[in-house]
């Protein structure tokens, strides 16, 4: 009788149980298409003419103001890198249920909704900005299951409307409690 080595037995068991995943993140970049309209959900705006989904690594690094309207479903992605070289802005008027968000130099995420943005982690690098529509009902309302990293030179602007922060027992700022870097 022939026996499998422990490593082969483990691999065989994983294959039979569906324990290995063959799915890989697909990189998708904003290219603006032939007739751009700045709408996240219009496939013509994305390389390959495909709107990003939950398994995609998304990049927006062109000079553009991308919008997600209040009537649209929450956007979803595995990762989103906003900015770097170009002045990129993403205005969210609905939710985000996504993975990792990185806001680089020359990039701004504007929250124009009271809907909580749910992410696994957020990194805002020097020159990156998280903002909200000042004077409106929107507040910066981001919840992560992992790290929220704000590096030197990065900003979160909550002037005038406050913020919602953290989980149970975490602070919530009242209107006007935010500060803007000098």
Foldseek 3Di string as FASTA:
>chain_A
DDDDDPVVVVVVVCVVVVVDDPDAAAEKEFDQAPPRDLELPQLRRIVVSDRAAQRYAYEYAAAGEHEYALPHEAGEYAEYEYYDPYQYEYEYAYEHAYEEYEFEANYEYEYAYQDEHEYQEYEYYANYEYEYPAPDQDAAHYEHVHYYHYDPNYYYFGAQAWHDDDDPPDDTTHGRPGDTDD
